[in-house]
Amino acid sequence: MVYDLQLAKGDICEDPTGLLVRVEDIDVYDYIHFSVIESSTRGFDETESGELSRVAFAYRFTKLGNMCKEEIKK
């Protein structure tokens, strides 16, 4: 079952393996563009990017919240 996942730019999501991603954009074709992020001693580092359809993204990821850059730096 897929729930209507409400996403916005900057949302942080996690999959069951612990992979963290940040939503970068949602295009007119309903594809989610995201960056993979991983924690480091200075905060978060963006390492890779990708895209998935909204349906595929909703099956894989759970929304954790929306974090602006100021919150991530803390």
Protein backbone atom coordinates (compact mmCIF):
# COMPACT_ATOMS: atom_id res chain seq x y z
CA MET A 1 0.00 0.00 0.00
CA VAL A 2 1.35 3.42 -0.96
CA TYR A 3 0.41 6.42 1.09
CA ASP A 4 0.26 9.91 -0.41
CA LEU A 5 3.74 11.08 0.48
CA GLN A 6 3.81 14.87 0.71
CA LEU A 7 7.33 15.96 -0.13
CA ALA A 8 8.99 19.35 -0.44
CA LYS A 9 12.46 20.52 -1.34
CA GLY A 10 14.78 19.99 1.62
CA ASP A 11 12.91 17.04 3.14
CA ILE A 12 15.14 14.35 4.65
CA CYS A 13 14.07 10.75 4.08
CA GLU A 14 15.46 7.36 5.11
CA ASP A 15 15.11 3.86 3.71
CA PRO A 16 15.05 0.63 5.79
CA THR A 17 18.84 0.23 5.41
CA GLY A 18 19.50 3.64 6.98
CA LEU A 19 20.30 5.46 3.73
CA LEU A 20 19.58 9.18 4.16
CA VAL A 21 18.55 11.35 1.22
CA ARG A 22 17.57 15.00 0.81
CA VAL A 23 14.84 15.95 -1.69
CA GLU A 24 16.35 18.44 -4.14
CA ASP A 25 13.49 18.87 -6.62
CA ILE A 26 10.21 17.39 -7.84
CA ASP A 27 9.84 17.80 -11.60
CA VAL A 28 6.73 18.17 -13.76
CA TYR A 29 6.81 14.42 -14.52
CA ASP A 30 6.49 13.66 -10.78
CA TYR A 31 10.06 12.41 -10.40
CA ILE A 32 11.84 13.04 -7.13
CA HIS A 33 15.43 14.27 -7.55
CA PHE A 34 17.47 13.63 -4.43
CA SER A 35 20.98 13.70 -2.97
CA VAL A 36 22.35 10.91 -0.82
CA ILE A 37 23.73 12.33 2.41
CA GLU A 38 25.82 10.77 5.10
CA SER A 39 26.85 12.09 8.46
CA SER A 40 30.39 13.23 9.11
CA THR A 41 32.17 15.05 11.90
CA ARG A 42 31.22 18.43 10.35
CA GLY A 43 27.56 17.63 9.72
CA PHE A 44 26.17 16.13 6.52
CA ASP A 45 28.10 15.53 3.29
CA GLU A 46 26.31 15.12 -0.03
CA THR A 47 27.92 12.28 -1.95
CA GLU A 48 25.64 11.11 -4.78
CA SER A 49 22.40 12.09 -6.47
CA GLY A 50 19.57 10.25 -8.17
CA GLU A 51 15.95 10.28 -9.15
CA LEU A 52 12.95 8.02 -8.67
CA SER A 53 9.29 8.27 -9.55
CA ARG A 54 7.14 9.47 -6.66
CA VAL A 55 5.60 5.98 -6.35
CA ALA A 56 8.99 4.22 -6.21
CA PHE A 57 10.30 6.83 -3.76
CA ALA A 58 7.26 6.36 -1.48
CA TYR A 59 7.77 2.58 -1.42
CA ARG A 60 11.42 2.92 -0.47
CA PHE A 61 11.74 5.98 1.76
CA THR A 62 10.14 7.32 4.93
CA LYS A 63 10.04 11.06 5.47
CA LEU A 64 11.96 12.19 8.55
CA GLY A 65 11.37 15.91 8.20
CA ASN A 66 12.51 19.13 6.61
CA MET A 67 15.90 20.46 7.66
CA CYS A 68 17.31 23.71 6.45
CA LYS A 69 21.08 24.14 6.18
CA GLU A 70 21.26 26.05 9.47
CA GLU A 71 19.73 23.09 11.34
CA ILE A 72 22.09 20.61 9.69
CA LYS A 73 25.17 22.65 10.70
CA LYS A 74 24.24 22.39 14.41
